Amino acid sequence: MGWPRLTYDAQRARHRAARMCHKPRRPRKLPPTSRLWRWVERLLGKGWFPQQISRTLRHQYPGQPDWHVSHETIYTAIYAALRGHLRQALVALLRHHKCARRPRDQGSDRRGQMPDLPSIHD
């Protein structure tokens, strides 16, 4: 990074952005080749919720923080998996079998609206 420059250089910024976009911010906690991922996958196959899996890992391995994963990490690992049959198999292990995660509220923004309010002209 170096010392800050006094002027902005667009070409230098573009090169830095291109270099940084391929670099992950932090390593994954559940890579698909790890023992932890195989363990999580086996418990999903038995019908466990990701919340149950994360709690069980914390109780079984209290002194190993590498084995402590949240349920959100498990969901992210499932939905970040490769496309195709592997991902379909992983999603099928979940109880809801949803293809993609969506925000809870899918409707329009209804803040500040009052239903059945008479018009100001009336």
N, C-alpha and C. Protein backbone atom coordinates (compact mmCIF):
# COMPACT_ATOMS: atom_id res chain seq x y z
N MET A 1 0.83 -1.18 0.00
CA MET A 1 0.00 0.00 0.00
C MET A 1 0.88 1.25 0.00
N GLY A 2 1.80 1.38 0.91
CA GLY A 2 2.72 2.51 0.89
C GLY A 2 2.12 3.79 1.44
N TRP A 3 2.85 4.86 1.24
CA TRP A 3 2.41 6.17 1.71
C TRP A 3 1.26 6.68 0.85
N PRO A 4 0.34 7.43 1.46
CA PRO A 4 -0.76 7.98 0.65
C PRO A 4 -0.25 9.01 -0.34
N ARG A 5 -0.83 8.97 -1.52
CA ARG A 5 -0.44 9.93 -2.56
C ARG A 5 -1.32 11.17 -2.46
N LEU A 6 -0.80 12.25 -2.96
CA LEU A 6 -1.55 13.50 -2.89
C LEU A 6 -2.60 13.60 -3.99
N THR A 7 -2.40 12.87 -5.09
CA THR A 7 -3.36 12.93 -6.18
C THR A 7 -3.93 11.53 -6.43
N TYR A 8 -5.11 11.51 -7.01
CA TYR A 8 -5.78 10.26 -7.32
C TYR A 8 -5.37 9.81 -8.71
N ASP A 9 -5.01 8.55 -8.83
CA ASP A 9 -4.62 7.99 -10.12
C ASP A 9 -5.60 6.87 -10.45
N ALA A 10 -6.47 7.10 -11.43
CA ALA A 10 -7.52 6.16 -11.78
C ALA A 10 -6.95 4.83 -12.27
N GLN A 11 -5.90 4.89 -13.05
CA GLN A 11 -5.33 3.65 -13.59
C GLN A 11 -4.73 2.80 -12.46
N ARG A 12 -4.06 3.45 -11.53
CA ARG A 12 -3.50 2.73 -10.39
C ARG A 12 -4.61 2.12 -9.53
N ALA A 13 -5.69 2.85 -9.35
CA ALA A 13 -6.83 2.35 -8.57
C ALA A 13 -7.48 1.17 -9.27
N ARG A 14 -7.59 1.22 -10.60
CA ARG A 14 -8.18 0.11 -11.35
C ARG A 14 -7.34 -1.15 -11.22
N HIS A 15 -6.02 -1.00 -11.31
CA HIS A 15 -5.13 -2.15 -11.17
C HIS A 15 -5.22 -2.76 -9.77
N ARG A 16 -5.29 -1.90 -8.77
CA ARG A 16 -5.41 -2.40 -7.41
C ARG A 16 -6.74 -3.11 -7.20
N ALA A 17 -7.82 -2.57 -7.74
CA ALA A 17 -9.13 -3.20 -7.61
C ALA A 17 -9.16 -4.55 -8.30
N ALA A 18 -8.53 -4.64 -9.49
CA ALA A 18 -8.48 -5.92 -10.20
C ALA A 18 -7.66 -6.94 -9.42
N ARG A 19 -6.61 -6.49 -8.78
CA ARG A 19 -5.77 -7.39 -8.00
C ARG A 19 -6.50 -7.87 -6.74
N MET A 20 -7.25 -6.99 -6.12
CA MET A 20 -7.91 -7.32 -4.87
C MET A 20 -9.20 -8.12 -5.06
N CYS A 21 -9.83 -8.04 -6.21
CA CYS A 21 -11.11 -8.72 -6.38
C CYS A 21 -10.96 -10.24 -6.40
N HIS A 22 -9.80 -10.74 -6.75
CA HIS A 22 -9.58 -12.18 -6.80
C HIS A 22 -9.08 -12.73 -5.48
N LYS A 23 -8.73 -11.87 -4.58
CA LYS A 23 -8.18 -12.29 -3.29
C LYS A 23 -9.32 -12.40 -2.27
N PRO A 24 -9.52 -13.56 -1.65
CA PRO A 24 -10.58 -13.66 -0.66
C PRO A 24 -10.24 -12.84 0.58
N ARG A 25 -11.25 -12.32 1.22
CA ARG A 25 -11.03 -11.49 2.40
C ARG A 25 -10.50 -12.29 3.57
N ARG A 26 -11.02 -13.47 3.76
CA ARG A 26 -10.54 -14.35 4.80
C ARG A 26 -10.77 -15.79 4.35
N PRO A 27 -10.00 -16.73 4.85
CA PRO A 27 -10.19 -18.12 4.42
C PRO A 27 -11.52 -18.66 4.94
N ARG A 28 -12.08 -19.58 4.19
CA ARG A 28 -13.34 -20.19 4.58
C ARG A 28 -13.14 -21.04 5.83
N LYS A 29 -14.15 -21.07 6.66
CA LYS A 29 -14.08 -21.89 7.86
C LYS A 29 -14.52 -23.31 7.57
N LEU A 30 -15.33 -23.49 6.53
CA LEU A 30 -15.81 -24.82 6.14
C LEU A 30 -15.43 -25.12 4.70
N PRO A 31 -14.15 -25.36 4.40
CA PRO A 31 -13.82 -25.72 3.02
C PRO A 31 -14.36 -27.11 2.70
N PRO A 32 -14.75 -27.35 1.46
CA PRO A 32 -15.39 -28.62 1.11
C PRO A 32 -14.48 -29.85 1.24
N THR A 33 -13.21 -29.66 1.46
CA THR A 33 -12.31 -30.81 1.58
C THR A 33 -11.93 -31.13 3.02
N SER A 34 -12.47 -30.41 4.00
CA SER A 34 -12.03 -30.58 5.39
C SER A 34 -12.81 -31.70 6.08
N ARG A 35 -12.23 -32.18 7.18
CA ARG A 35 -12.90 -33.18 8.01
C ARG A 35 -14.17 -32.60 8.61
N LEU A 36 -14.11 -31.35 9.00
CA LEU A 36 -15.27 -30.69 9.60
C LEU A 36 -16.44 -30.67 8.63
N TRP A 37 -16.19 -30.38 7.36
CA TRP A 37 -17.26 -30.35 6.36
C TRP A 37 -17.87 -31.73 6.18
N ARG A 38 -17.05 -32.77 6.15
CA ARG A 38 -17.58 -34.14 6.01
C ARG A 38 -18.45 -34.50 7.21
N TRP A 39 -18.04 -34.05 8.41
CA TRP A 39 -18.79 -34.31 9.62
C TRP A 39 -20.14 -33.60 9.56
N VAL A 40 -20.13 -32.33 9.14
CA VAL A 40 -21.37 -31.55 9.02
C VAL A 40 -22.29 -32.19 7.97
N GLU A 41 -21.71 -32.61 6.87
CA GLU A 41 -22.51 -33.23 5.79
C GLU A 41 -23.17 -34.52 6.26
N ARG A 42 -22.45 -35.29 7.06
CA ARG A 42 -23.01 -36.55 7.57
C ARG A 42 -24.18 -36.26 8.51
N LEU A 43 -24.06 -35.24 9.37
CA LEU A 43 -25.15 -34.91 10.28
C LEU A 43 -26.35 -34.32 9.53
N LEU A 44 -26.08 -33.56 8.46
CA LEU A 44 -27.19 -33.07 7.63
C LEU A 44 -27.94 -34.23 7.00
N GLY A 45 -27.21 -35.26 6.60
CA GLY A 45 -27.82 -36.44 6.02
C GLY A 45 -28.70 -37.19 7.00
N LYS A 46 -28.42 -37.04 8.29
CA LYS A 46 -29.24 -37.69 9.32
C LYS A 46 -30.46 -36.85 9.67
N GLY A 47 -30.60 -35.66 9.05
CA GLY A 47 -31.77 -34.82 9.29
C GLY A 47 -31.59 -33.77 10.36
N TRP A 48 -30.37 -33.48 10.73
CA TRP A 48 -30.11 -32.47 11.76
C TRP A 48 -30.24 -31.08 11.16
N PHE A 49 -30.66 -30.12 11.97
CA PHE A 49 -30.66 -28.72 11.59
C PHE A 49 -29.24 -28.16 11.71
N PRO A 50 -28.89 -27.15 10.94
CA PRO A 50 -27.59 -26.50 11.14
C PRO A 50 -27.42 -25.93 12.55
N GLN A 51 -28.51 -25.48 13.17
CA GLN A 51 -28.42 -24.98 14.55
C GLN A 51 -28.01 -26.10 15.50
N GLN A 52 -28.58 -27.29 15.31
CA GLN A 52 -28.23 -28.44 16.16
C GLN A 52 -26.78 -28.83 15.96
N ILE A 53 -26.33 -28.78 14.73
CA ILE A 53 -24.95 -29.15 14.43
C ILE A 53 -23.97 -28.19 15.09
N SER A 54 -24.24 -26.89 15.00
CA SER A 54 -23.31 -25.91 15.59
C SER A 54 -23.27 -26.06 17.11
N ARG A 55 -24.42 -26.29 17.75
CA ARG A 55 -24.44 -26.49 19.20
C ARG A 55 -23.70 -27.75 19.59
N THR A 56 -23.88 -28.83 18.84
CA THR A 56 -23.22 -30.09 19.14
C THR A 56 -21.71 -29.96 19.00
N LEU A 57 -21.26 -29.27 17.97
CA LEU A 57 -19.82 -29.07 17.80
C LEU A 57 -19.22 -28.30 18.97
N ARG A 58 -19.92 -27.29 19.46
CA ARG A 58 -19.41 -26.52 20.60
C ARG A 58 -19.32 -27.38 21.86
N HIS A 59 -20.29 -28.28 22.04
CA HIS A 59 -20.26 -29.13 23.25
C HIS A 59 -19.23 -30.25 23.14
N GLN A 60 -19.07 -30.84 21.96
CA GLN A 60 -18.14 -31.95 21.80
C GLN A 60 -16.69 -31.51 21.73
N TYR A 61 -16.44 -30.32 21.21
CA TYR A 61 -15.07 -29.82 21.06
C TYR A 61 -14.94 -28.44 21.73
N PRO A 62 -15.03 -28.37 23.06
CA PRO A 62 -15.01 -27.06 23.72
C PRO A 62 -13.67 -26.36 23.64
N GLY A 63 -12.57 -27.09 23.56
CA GLY A 63 -11.25 -26.47 23.54
C GLY A 63 -10.69 -26.23 22.15
N GLN A 64 -11.47 -26.53 21.10
CA GLN A 64 -11.00 -26.38 19.73
C GLN A 64 -11.87 -25.37 18.99
N PRO A 65 -11.49 -24.09 19.00
CA PRO A 65 -12.31 -23.09 18.33
C PRO A 65 -12.38 -23.26 16.81
N ASP A 66 -11.47 -24.03 16.23
CA ASP A 66 -11.55 -24.29 14.78
C ASP A 66 -12.79 -25.11 14.43
N TRP A 67 -13.29 -25.87 15.39
CA TRP A 67 -14.47 -26.70 15.15
C TRP A 67 -15.76 -26.01 15.58
N HIS A 68 -15.70 -24.77 16.01
CA HIS A 68 -16.90 -24.03 16.38
C HIS A 68 -17.37 -23.23 15.17
N VAL A 69 -18.46 -23.65 14.58
CA VAL A 69 -19.02 -22.93 13.44
C VAL A 69 -20.47 -22.57 13.76
N SER A 70 -20.91 -21.44 13.27
CA SER A 70 -22.29 -21.04 13.49
C SER A 70 -23.18 -21.69 12.43
N HIS A 71 -24.47 -21.65 12.68
CA HIS A 71 -25.41 -22.20 11.70
C HIS A 71 -25.38 -21.40 10.41
N GLU A 72 -25.11 -20.10 10.50
CA GLU A 72 -25.01 -19.28 9.29
C GLU A 72 -23.82 -19.71 8.44
N THR A 73 -22.72 -20.10 9.08
CA THR A 73 -21.56 -20.59 8.33
C THR A 73 -21.92 -21.87 7.58
N ILE A 74 -22.70 -22.73 8.21
CA ILE A 74 -23.12 -23.98 7.55
C ILE A 74 -24.03 -23.68 6.36
N TYR A 75 -25.00 -22.78 6.56
CA TYR A 75 -25.88 -22.41 5.44
C TYR A 75 -25.07 -21.78 4.30
N THR A 76 -24.14 -20.91 4.64
CA THR A 76 -23.32 -20.26 3.62
C THR A 76 -22.50 -21.28 2.86
N ALA A 77 -21.95 -22.27 3.55
CA ALA A 77 -21.17 -23.30 2.88
C ALA A 77 -22.03 -24.13 1.93
N ILE A 78 -23.26 -24.37 2.32
CA ILE A 78 -24.16 -25.16 1.46
C ILE A 78 -24.53 -24.36 0.22
N TYR A 79 -24.92 -23.11 0.41
CA TYR A 79 -25.37 -22.32 -0.73
C TYR A 79 -24.23 -21.79 -1.58
N ALA A 80 -23.00 -21.81 -1.05
CA ALA A 80 -21.84 -21.38 -1.83
C ALA A 80 -21.22 -22.55 -2.57
N ALA A 81 -21.78 -23.75 -2.44
CA ALA A 81 -21.23 -24.93 -3.11
C ALA A 81 -21.38 -24.78 -4.62
N LEU A 82 -20.68 -25.61 -5.32
CA LEU A 82 -20.73 -25.58 -6.77
C LEU A 82 -22.14 -25.83 -7.28
N ARG A 83 -22.40 -25.37 -8.48
CA ARG A 83 -23.69 -25.59 -9.10
C ARG A 83 -23.77 -27.04 -9.57
N GLY A 84 -24.99 -27.51 -9.77
CA GLY A 84 -25.17 -28.84 -10.33
C GLY A 84 -25.65 -29.84 -9.30
N HIS A 85 -25.30 -31.10 -9.54
CA HIS A 85 -25.81 -32.20 -8.73
C HIS A 85 -25.32 -32.14 -7.29
N LEU A 86 -24.09 -31.71 -7.08
CA LEU A 86 -23.56 -31.64 -5.72
C LEU A 86 -24.36 -30.65 -4.88
N ARG A 87 -24.63 -29.49 -5.43
CA ARG A 87 -25.40 -28.50 -4.69
C ARG A 87 -26.83 -28.97 -4.46
N GLN A 88 -27.43 -29.60 -5.46
CA GLN A 88 -28.80 -30.11 -5.30
C GLN A 88 -28.85 -31.16 -4.19
N ALA A 89 -27.81 -31.99 -4.11
CA ALA A 89 -27.77 -33.00 -3.05
C ALA A 89 -27.64 -32.35 -1.68
N LEU A 90 -26.83 -31.29 -1.59
CA LEU A 90 -26.67 -30.60 -0.31
C LEU A 90 -27.94 -29.90 0.12
N VAL A 91 -28.62 -29.24 -0.82
CA VAL A 91 -29.87 -28.54 -0.49
C VAL A 91 -30.95 -29.56 -0.13
N ALA A 92 -30.91 -30.72 -0.75
CA ALA A 92 -31.90 -31.76 -0.43
C ALA A 92 -31.72 -32.27 0.99
N LEU A 93 -30.52 -32.12 1.56
CA LEU A 93 -30.30 -32.54 2.94
C LEU A 93 -30.97 -31.60 3.94
N LEU A 94 -31.23 -30.35 3.53
CA LEU A 94 -31.92 -29.42 4.41
C LEU A 94 -33.39 -29.79 4.49
N ARG A 95 -34.02 -29.40 5.55
CA ARG A 95 -35.42 -29.78 5.73
C ARG A 95 -36.37 -28.99 4.84
N HIS A 96 -36.00 -27.77 4.47
CA HIS A 96 -36.90 -26.95 3.66
C HIS A 96 -36.69 -27.12 2.17
N HIS A 97 -35.55 -27.61 1.74
CA HIS A 97 -35.24 -27.89 0.33
C HIS A 97 -35.38 -26.66 -0.56
N LYS A 98 -35.05 -25.47 -0.07
CA LYS A 98 -35.12 -24.26 -0.88
C LYS A 98 -33.87 -24.17 -1.74
N CYS A 99 -34.04 -23.72 -2.98
CA CYS A 99 -32.91 -23.64 -3.91
C CYS A 99 -32.00 -22.47 -3.58
N ALA A 100 -32.55 -21.39 -3.07
CA ALA A 100 -31.75 -20.21 -2.79
C ALA A 100 -32.28 -19.54 -1.54
N ARG A 101 -31.42 -18.82 -0.88
CA ARG A 101 -31.83 -18.08 0.30
C ARG A 101 -32.38 -16.74 -0.15
N ARG A 102 -33.48 -16.35 0.43
CA ARG A 102 -34.10 -15.07 0.09
C ARG A 102 -34.32 -14.28 1.38
N PRO A 103 -34.39 -12.97 1.25
CA PRO A 103 -34.70 -12.19 2.44
C PRO A 103 -36.09 -12.54 2.97
N ARG A 104 -36.28 -12.33 4.24
CA ARG A 104 -37.54 -12.69 4.87
C ARG A 104 -38.71 -11.91 4.27
N ASP A 105 -38.53 -10.61 4.01
CA ASP A 105 -39.59 -9.79 3.46
C ASP A 105 -39.38 -9.66 1.96
N GLN A 106 -40.26 -10.26 1.17
CA GLN A 106 -40.10 -10.20 -0.28
C GLN A 106 -41.02 -9.16 -0.91
N GLY A 107 -41.87 -8.54 -0.12
CA GLY A 107 -42.79 -7.55 -0.67
C GLY A 107 -42.14 -6.19 -0.79
N SER A 108 -42.95 -5.22 -1.15
CA SER A 108 -42.43 -3.86 -1.27
C SER A 108 -42.31 -3.24 0.12
N ASP A 109 -41.64 -2.13 0.19
CA ASP A 109 -41.44 -1.43 1.45
C ASP A 109 -42.75 -0.74 1.83
N ARG A 110 -43.31 -1.12 2.96
CA ARG A 110 -44.62 -0.60 3.36
C ARG A 110 -44.53 0.35 4.55
N ARG A 111 -43.35 0.84 4.85
CA ARG A 111 -43.21 1.74 5.99
C ARG A 111 -43.88 3.07 5.69
N GLY A 112 -44.57 3.60 6.66
CA GLY A 112 -45.19 4.92 6.52
C GLY A 112 -46.49 4.91 5.75
N GLN A 113 -47.00 3.77 5.36
CA GLN A 113 -48.24 3.71 4.61
C GLN A 113 -49.37 3.29 5.56
N MET A 114 -50.50 3.94 5.42
CA MET A 114 -51.66 3.61 6.24
C MET A 114 -52.76 3.11 5.31
N PRO A 115 -53.19 1.88 5.49
CA PRO A 115 -54.23 1.36 4.60
C PRO A 115 -55.60 2.00 4.87
N ASP A 116 -56.41 2.07 3.86
CA ASP A 116 -57.79 2.57 3.94
C ASP A 116 -57.86 3.97 4.55
N LEU A 117 -56.96 4.83 4.20
CA LEU A 117 -56.94 6.21 4.69
C LEU A 117 -57.69 7.07 3.68
N PRO A 118 -58.64 7.88 4.13
CA PRO A 118 -59.36 8.72 3.16
C PRO A 118 -58.43 9.79 2.57
N SER A 119 -58.72 10.19 1.36
CA SER A 119 -57.90 11.17 0.67
C SER A 119 -58.02 12.53 1.34
N ILE A 120 -57.00 13.34 1.24
CA ILE A 120 -57.03 14.69 1.85
C ILE A 120 -58.01 15.58 1.10
N HIS A 121 -58.32 15.23 -0.14
CA HIS A 121 -59.26 16.02 -0.91
C HIS A 121 -60.69 15.78 -0.47
N ASP A 122 -60.94 14.66 0.16
CA ASP A 122 -62.31 14.34 0.61
C ASP A 122 -62.54 15.06 1.89
